[in-house]
Amino acid sequence: MCSIYYTLMKGFGTHIRKVRLKLGEQSRDWSLRTVAGLVGLEPSYLSKIEREIEPPPGEDTIIRLAHTLNEDADVLLAMAGKVSSDLRAIICKRPKLFSNLLRQLKSMPDHAILRIARDVTDGDWEIQEK
């Protein structure tokens, strides 16, 4: 396993705990037992995830955690070293195109990537045929 994935995964449980405790400062509804129940986990298992004793759970559980904690599911999946199944399906339909795109994007500054994302979202682009 590549070291960046290990680093990301090591931060997953810590991040979940930090978010849960921060929410708990505002209300008692964010105890470990309550959150585990909302997500459908045993409290002891969630505790082990938060303490980095257990690796991050599967995609469905991470998505439920994200919704429960009002976090971005794609960010939590990435922190766990995972890609959502819907994104995986999109990439697998055109693997060469997306691998080339991602390799080009990795060296671009954030503002350039944000502009591309904004252009695509706004539909402010044209496909030019040769």
N, C-alpha and C. Protein backbone atom coordinates (compact mmCIF):
# COMPACT_ATOMS: atom_id res chain seq x y z
N MET A 1 0.85 -1.18 0.00
CA MET A 1 0.00 0.00 0.00
C MET A 1 0.89 1.24 0.00
N CYS A 2 0.53 2.17 -0.82
CA CYS A 2 1.32 3.40 -0.96
C CYS A 2 1.19 4.25 0.30
N SER A 3 2.25 4.97 0.63
CA SER A 3 2.28 5.70 1.90
C SER A 3 1.24 6.81 1.99
N ILE A 4 0.88 7.43 0.86
CA ILE A 4 -0.12 8.50 0.92
C ILE A 4 -1.47 7.92 1.34
N TYR A 5 -1.81 6.72 0.85
CA TYR A 5 -3.07 6.10 1.27
C TYR A 5 -3.04 5.78 2.75
N TYR A 6 -1.90 5.29 3.23
CA TYR A 6 -1.79 4.97 4.65
C TYR A 6 -1.97 6.24 5.48
N THR A 7 -1.36 7.33 5.05
CA THR A 7 -1.49 8.60 5.76
C THR A 7 -2.94 9.07 5.74
N LEU A 8 -3.59 8.99 4.57
CA LEU A 8 -4.98 9.41 4.49
C LEU A 8 -5.86 8.55 5.38
N MET A 9 -5.68 7.24 5.31
CA MET A 9 -6.50 6.34 6.10
C MET A 9 -6.27 6.56 7.59
N LYS A 10 -5.02 6.84 7.98
CA LYS A 10 -4.75 7.07 9.40
C LYS A 10 -5.49 8.30 9.91
N GLY A 11 -5.78 9.26 9.05
CA GLY A 11 -6.48 10.46 9.47
C GLY A 11 -7.99 10.34 9.45
N PHE A 12 -8.51 9.28 8.86
CA PHE A 12 -9.96 9.13 8.72
C PHE A 12 -10.65 9.07 10.08
N GLY A 13 -10.26 8.14 10.91
CA GLY A 13 -10.89 7.96 12.22
C GLY A 13 -10.72 9.19 13.10
N THR A 14 -9.54 9.76 13.08
CA THR A 14 -9.27 10.97 13.86
C THR A 14 -10.19 12.10 13.42
N HIS A 15 -10.38 12.23 12.12
CA HIS A 15 -11.25 13.27 11.59
C HIS A 15 -12.70 13.04 12.02
N ILE A 16 -13.16 11.81 11.92
CA ILE A 16 -14.53 11.48 12.32
C ILE A 16 -14.74 11.86 13.79
N ARG A 17 -13.80 11.48 14.63
CA ARG A 17 -13.91 11.79 16.07
C ARG A 17 -13.92 13.30 16.30
N LYS A 18 -13.04 14.01 15.61
CA LYS A 18 -12.96 15.46 15.78
C LYS A 18 -14.29 16.13 15.39
N VAL A 19 -14.86 15.71 14.27
CA VAL A 19 -16.13 16.28 13.82
C VAL A 19 -17.24 15.96 14.82
N ARG A 20 -17.29 14.71 15.26
CA ARG A 20 -18.33 14.30 16.21
C ARG A 20 -18.22 15.08 17.52
N LEU A 21 -17.00 15.24 18.03
CA LEU A 21 -16.80 15.97 19.29
C LEU A 21 -17.15 17.45 19.12
N LYS A 22 -16.82 18.02 17.97
CA LYS A 22 -17.15 19.43 17.73
C LYS A 22 -18.67 19.62 17.70
N LEU A 23 -19.37 18.71 17.05
CA LEU A 23 -20.83 18.77 17.05
C LEU A 23 -21.37 18.57 18.47
N GLY A 24 -20.68 17.73 19.24
CA GLY A 24 -21.09 17.46 20.61
C GLY A 24 -20.96 18.65 21.53
N GLU A 25 -20.15 19.64 21.14
CA GLU A 25 -20.04 20.86 21.95
C GLU A 25 -21.34 21.65 21.91
N GLN A 26 -22.12 21.45 20.85
CA GLN A 26 -23.37 22.19 20.68
C GLN A 26 -24.57 21.43 21.21
N SER A 27 -24.47 20.10 21.28
CA SER A 27 -25.61 19.28 21.69
C SER A 27 -25.12 17.92 22.16
N ARG A 28 -25.86 17.34 23.07
CA ARG A 28 -25.50 16.01 23.58
C ARG A 28 -25.87 14.90 22.61
N ASP A 29 -26.52 15.25 21.50
CA ASP A 29 -27.00 14.26 20.54
C ASP A 29 -25.87 13.65 19.72
N TRP A 30 -24.64 13.98 20.01
CA TRP A 30 -23.51 13.52 19.19
C TRP A 30 -22.58 12.59 19.96
N SER A 31 -23.11 11.89 20.93
CA SER A 31 -22.29 10.92 21.65
C SER A 31 -21.89 9.79 20.71
N LEU A 32 -20.86 9.09 21.07
CA LEU A 32 -20.40 7.96 20.26
C LEU A 32 -21.54 6.96 20.07
N ARG A 33 -22.25 6.66 21.14
CA ARG A 33 -23.36 5.69 21.09
C ARG A 33 -24.47 6.18 20.15
N THR A 34 -24.82 7.46 20.23
CA THR A 34 -25.88 8.00 19.39
C THR A 34 -25.50 7.98 17.92
N VAL A 35 -24.30 8.46 17.61
CA VAL A 35 -23.85 8.49 16.21
C VAL A 35 -23.75 7.07 15.67
N ALA A 36 -23.20 6.16 16.45
CA ALA A 36 -23.10 4.76 16.00
C ALA A 36 -24.49 4.22 15.68
N GLY A 37 -25.47 4.50 16.53
CA GLY A 37 -26.83 4.05 16.29
C GLY A 37 -27.43 4.64 15.03
N LEU A 38 -27.18 5.93 14.79
CA LEU A 38 -27.71 6.59 13.59
C LEU A 38 -27.10 6.00 12.31
N VAL A 39 -25.85 5.58 12.41
CA VAL A 39 -25.15 5.06 11.24
C VAL A 39 -25.37 3.55 11.09
N GLY A 40 -25.81 2.89 12.15
CA GLY A 40 -26.04 1.46 12.11
C GLY A 40 -24.81 0.64 12.47
N LEU A 41 -24.00 1.19 13.38
CA LEU A 41 -22.79 0.50 13.83
C LEU A 41 -22.87 0.22 15.32
N GLU A 42 -22.09 -0.74 15.75
CA GLU A 42 -21.92 -0.95 17.18
C GLU A 42 -21.03 0.18 17.71
N PRO A 43 -21.34 0.73 18.87
CA PRO A 43 -20.51 1.81 19.42
C PRO A 43 -19.04 1.40 19.57
N SER A 44 -18.79 0.15 19.94
CA SER A 44 -17.40 -0.29 20.11
C SER A 44 -16.65 -0.28 18.78
N TYR A 45 -17.34 -0.61 17.69
CA TYR A 45 -16.71 -0.59 16.37
C TYR A 45 -16.39 0.84 15.94
N LEU A 46 -17.34 1.76 16.13
CA LEU A 46 -17.09 3.16 15.79
C LEU A 46 -15.94 3.71 16.63
N SER A 47 -15.89 3.34 17.89
CA SER A 47 -14.80 3.77 18.76
C SER A 47 -13.45 3.29 18.22
N LYS A 48 -13.40 2.05 17.76
CA LYS A 48 -12.15 1.51 17.20
C LYS A 48 -11.77 2.23 15.91
N ILE A 49 -12.75 2.60 15.11
CA ILE A 49 -12.47 3.36 13.89
C ILE A 49 -11.90 4.72 14.27
N GLU A 50 -12.55 5.40 15.21
CA GLU A 50 -12.10 6.73 15.63
C GLU A 50 -10.69 6.70 16.22
N ARG A 51 -10.36 5.62 16.91
CA ARG A 51 -9.03 5.51 17.53
C ARG A 51 -8.00 4.89 16.60
N GLU A 52 -8.38 4.68 15.33
CA GLU A 52 -7.49 4.14 14.30
C GLU A 52 -7.06 2.70 14.59
N ILE A 53 -7.82 1.99 15.40
CA ILE A 53 -7.53 0.58 15.66
C ILE A 53 -8.06 -0.27 14.51
N GLU A 54 -9.22 0.13 13.98
CA GLU A 54 -9.82 -0.53 12.82
C GLU A 54 -9.62 0.38 11.60
N PRO A 55 -9.45 -0.22 10.43
CA PRO A 55 -9.36 0.60 9.21
C PRO A 55 -10.71 1.24 8.90
N PRO A 56 -10.74 2.21 7.99
CA PRO A 56 -12.03 2.82 7.63
C PRO A 56 -13.01 1.75 7.14
N PRO A 57 -14.29 1.96 7.39
CA PRO A 57 -15.31 0.99 6.95
C PRO A 57 -15.54 1.06 5.45
N GLY A 58 -16.52 0.33 4.98
CA GLY A 58 -16.86 0.31 3.56
C GLY A 58 -17.56 1.58 3.10
N GLU A 59 -17.75 1.65 1.79
CA GLU A 59 -18.32 2.84 1.16
C GLU A 59 -19.69 3.22 1.73
N ASP A 60 -20.59 2.27 1.86
CA ASP A 60 -21.94 2.59 2.35
C ASP A 60 -21.90 3.17 3.76
N THR A 61 -21.06 2.60 4.61
CA THR A 61 -20.95 3.10 5.98
C THR A 61 -20.34 4.50 6.00
N ILE A 62 -19.33 4.72 5.18
CA ILE A 62 -18.71 6.05 5.11
C ILE A 62 -19.73 7.08 4.63
N ILE A 63 -20.54 6.72 3.66
CA ILE A 63 -21.57 7.64 3.16
C ILE A 63 -22.60 7.94 4.26
N ARG A 64 -23.01 6.93 5.01
CA ARG A 64 -23.93 7.16 6.13
C ARG A 64 -23.30 8.06 7.19
N LEU A 65 -22.02 7.83 7.48
CA LEU A 65 -21.31 8.70 8.43
C LEU A 65 -21.29 10.14 7.92
N ALA A 66 -21.00 10.31 6.63
CA ALA A 66 -20.95 11.65 6.05
C ALA A 66 -22.29 12.36 6.20
N HIS A 67 -23.37 11.66 5.87
CA HIS A 67 -24.70 12.27 5.98
C HIS A 67 -25.03 12.60 7.43
N THR A 68 -24.71 11.70 8.32
CA THR A 68 -25.01 11.91 9.75
C THR A 68 -24.24 13.09 10.32
N LEU A 69 -22.97 13.19 9.94
CA LEU A 69 -22.10 14.25 10.48
C LEU A 69 -22.09 15.51 9.61
N ASN A 70 -22.91 15.53 8.56
CA ASN A 70 -22.98 16.66 7.63
C ASN A 70 -21.62 16.96 7.01
N GLU A 71 -20.96 15.91 6.56
CA GLU A 71 -19.66 16.00 5.89
C GLU A 71 -19.82 15.62 4.43
N ASP A 72 -18.85 15.97 3.61
CA ASP A 72 -18.86 15.60 2.20
C ASP A 72 -18.44 14.13 2.07
N ALA A 73 -19.30 13.32 1.49
CA ALA A 73 -19.03 11.88 1.36
C ALA A 73 -17.79 11.61 0.51
N ASP A 74 -17.60 12.36 -0.57
CA ASP A 74 -16.43 12.15 -1.42
C ASP A 74 -15.13 12.46 -0.69
N VAL A 75 -15.16 13.46 0.17
CA VAL A 75 -13.97 13.80 0.95
C VAL A 75 -13.66 12.69 1.95
N LEU A 76 -14.69 12.22 2.65
CA LEU A 76 -14.46 11.14 3.61
C LEU A 76 -14.00 9.87 2.91
N LEU A 77 -14.57 9.57 1.75
CA LEU A 77 -14.12 8.40 0.99
C LEU A 77 -12.65 8.55 0.60
N ALA A 78 -12.27 9.73 0.15
CA ALA A 78 -10.87 9.96 -0.22
C ALA A 78 -9.96 9.82 0.99
N MET A 79 -10.39 10.34 2.14
CA MET A 79 -9.59 10.20 3.36
C MET A 79 -9.41 8.73 3.72
N ALA A 80 -10.38 7.91 3.34
CA ALA A 80 -10.32 6.47 3.62
C ALA A 80 -9.56 5.71 2.52
N GLY A 81 -9.07 6.45 1.51
CA GLY A 81 -8.35 5.80 0.42
C GLY A 81 -9.27 5.11 -0.56
N LYS A 82 -10.51 5.61 -0.69
CA LYS A 82 -11.51 4.98 -1.54
C LYS A 82 -12.08 5.99 -2.52
N VAL A 83 -12.69 5.46 -3.57
CA VAL A 83 -13.40 6.27 -4.56
C VAL A 83 -14.82 5.72 -4.61
N SER A 84 -15.81 6.61 -4.66
CA SER A 84 -17.19 6.14 -4.67
C SER A 84 -17.46 5.29 -5.92
N SER A 85 -18.39 4.37 -5.79
CA SER A 85 -18.69 3.45 -6.88
C SER A 85 -19.22 4.20 -8.10
N ASP A 86 -19.96 5.29 -7.91
CA ASP A 86 -20.46 6.03 -9.07
C ASP A 86 -19.32 6.71 -9.82
N LEU A 87 -18.33 7.26 -9.11
CA LEU A 87 -17.18 7.86 -9.79
C LEU A 87 -16.33 6.79 -10.47
N ARG A 88 -16.19 5.65 -9.80
CA ARG A 88 -15.43 4.53 -10.39
C ARG A 88 -16.07 4.10 -11.70
N ALA A 89 -17.40 4.04 -11.75
CA ALA A 89 -18.12 3.64 -12.97
C ALA A 89 -17.90 4.66 -14.09
N ILE A 90 -17.90 5.94 -13.74
CA ILE A 90 -17.67 6.99 -14.73
C ILE A 90 -16.26 6.86 -15.31
N ILE A 91 -15.28 6.67 -14.45
CA ILE A 91 -13.88 6.53 -14.88
C ILE A 91 -13.72 5.28 -15.74
N CYS A 92 -14.36 4.19 -15.35
CA CYS A 92 -14.21 2.92 -16.08
C CYS A 92 -14.83 2.96 -17.47
N LYS A 93 -15.78 3.86 -17.71
CA LYS A 93 -16.37 3.98 -19.04
C LYS A 93 -15.37 4.57 -20.05
N ARG A 94 -14.51 5.45 -19.56
CA ARG A 94 -13.51 6.10 -20.43
C ARG A 94 -12.18 6.20 -19.68
N PRO A 95 -11.57 5.06 -19.38
CA PRO A 95 -10.38 5.07 -18.51
C PRO A 95 -9.20 5.87 -19.07
N LYS A 96 -8.95 5.77 -20.35
CA LYS A 96 -7.80 6.49 -20.92
C LYS A 96 -8.01 8.00 -20.83
N LEU A 97 -9.19 8.44 -21.18
CA LEU A 97 -9.51 9.86 -21.14
C LEU A 97 -9.39 10.42 -19.72
N PHE A 98 -9.98 9.71 -18.74
CA PHE A 98 -9.94 10.22 -17.37
C PHE A 98 -8.56 10.09 -16.74
N SER A 99 -7.83 9.04 -17.07
CA SER A 99 -6.47 8.93 -16.51
C SER A 99 -5.59 10.05 -17.05
N ASN A 100 -5.72 10.35 -18.34
CA ASN A 100 -4.95 11.47 -18.91
C ASN A 100 -5.35 12.80 -18.26
N LEU A 101 -6.65 13.00 -18.09
CA LEU A 101 -7.14 14.23 -17.48
C LEU A 101 -6.61 14.38 -16.05
N LEU A 102 -6.72 13.33 -15.26
CA LEU A 102 -6.27 13.41 -13.87
C LEU A 102 -4.77 13.63 -13.78
N ARG A 103 -4.01 13.01 -14.66
CA ARG A 103 -2.56 13.23 -14.65
C ARG A 103 -2.21 14.66 -15.01
N GLN A 104 -2.97 15.26 -15.90
CA GLN A 104 -2.73 16.67 -16.25
C GLN A 104 -3.13 17.58 -15.09
N LEU A 105 -4.23 17.26 -14.43
CA LEU A 105 -4.72 18.10 -13.34
C LEU A 105 -3.82 18.07 -12.11
N LYS A 106 -3.10 16.98 -11.90
CA LYS A 106 -2.32 16.85 -10.66
C LYS A 106 -1.25 17.92 -10.51
N SER A 107 -0.75 18.47 -11.62
CA SER A 107 0.29 19.49 -11.51
C SER A 107 -0.25 20.91 -11.65
N MET A 108 -1.56 21.03 -11.83
CA MET A 108 -2.15 22.37 -12.00
C MET A 108 -2.44 22.99 -10.64
N PRO A 109 -2.33 24.31 -10.55
CA PRO A 109 -2.69 24.98 -9.28
C PRO A 109 -4.20 24.92 -9.06
N ASP A 110 -4.60 25.03 -7.81
CA ASP A 110 -6.02 24.93 -7.45
C ASP A 110 -6.89 25.91 -8.23
N HIS A 111 -6.42 27.14 -8.41
CA HIS A 111 -7.27 28.13 -9.08
C HIS A 111 -7.56 27.72 -10.53
N ALA A 112 -6.62 27.06 -11.19
CA ALA A 112 -6.84 26.61 -12.57
C ALA A 112 -7.86 25.47 -12.60
N ILE A 113 -7.76 24.56 -11.64
CA ILE A 113 -8.72 23.46 -11.57
C ILE A 113 -10.10 23.98 -11.25
N LEU A 114 -10.19 24.96 -10.34
CA LEU A 114 -11.48 25.55 -10.01
C LEU A 114 -12.11 26.23 -11.22
N ARG A 115 -11.29 26.86 -12.04
CA ARG A 115 -11.82 27.51 -13.24
C ARG A 115 -12.37 26.48 -14.21
N ILE A 116 -11.65 25.39 -14.40
CA ILE A 116 -12.13 24.32 -15.28
C ILE A 116 -13.44 23.76 -14.74
N ALA A 117 -13.50 23.49 -13.45
CA ALA A 117 -14.72 22.95 -12.84
C ALA A 117 -15.88 23.93 -13.01
N ARG A 118 -15.62 25.21 -12.82
CA ARG A 118 -16.65 26.23 -12.98
C ARG A 118 -17.13 26.30 -14.42
N ASP A 119 -16.20 26.24 -15.37
CA ASP A 119 -16.56 26.27 -16.79
C ASP A 119 -17.44 25.08 -17.16
N VAL A 120 -17.09 23.91 -16.67
CA VAL A 120 -17.88 22.72 -16.96
C VAL A 120 -19.25 22.83 -16.32
N THR A 121 -19.30 23.27 -15.07
CA THR A 121 -20.57 23.41 -14.36
C THR A 121 -21.46 24.44 -15.03
N ASP A 122 -20.88 25.55 -15.44
CA ASP A 122 -21.65 26.62 -16.08
C ASP A 122 -21.99 26.30 -17.53
N GLY A 123 -21.33 25.30 -18.10
CA GLY A 123 -21.56 24.96 -19.51
C GLY A 123 -20.91 25.97 -20.43
N ASP A 124 -19.93 26.71 -19.92
CA ASP A 124 -19.27 27.77 -20.68
C ASP A 124 -18.08 27.20 -21.44
N TRP A 125 -18.33 26.24 -22.32
CA TRP A 125 -17.26 25.63 -23.08
C TRP A 125 -17.85 25.02 -24.34
N GLU A 126 -17.03 24.81 -25.31
CA GLU A 126 -17.46 24.21 -26.57
C GLU A 126 -16.52 23.08 -26.92
N ILE A 127 -17.08 22.06 -27.52
CA ILE A 127 -16.24 20.99 -28.06
C ILE A 127 -15.97 21.34 -29.51
N GLN A 128 -14.72 21.47 -29.84
CA GLN A 128 -14.37 21.82 -31.20
C GLN A 128 -13.97 20.58 -31.96
N GLU A 129 -14.66 20.32 -33.05
CA GLU A 129 -14.39 19.16 -33.88
C GLU A 129 -13.27 19.49 -34.85
N LYS A 130 -12.45 18.50 -35.11
CA LYS A 130 -11.36 18.71 -36.09
C LYS A 130 -11.75 18.14 -37.42
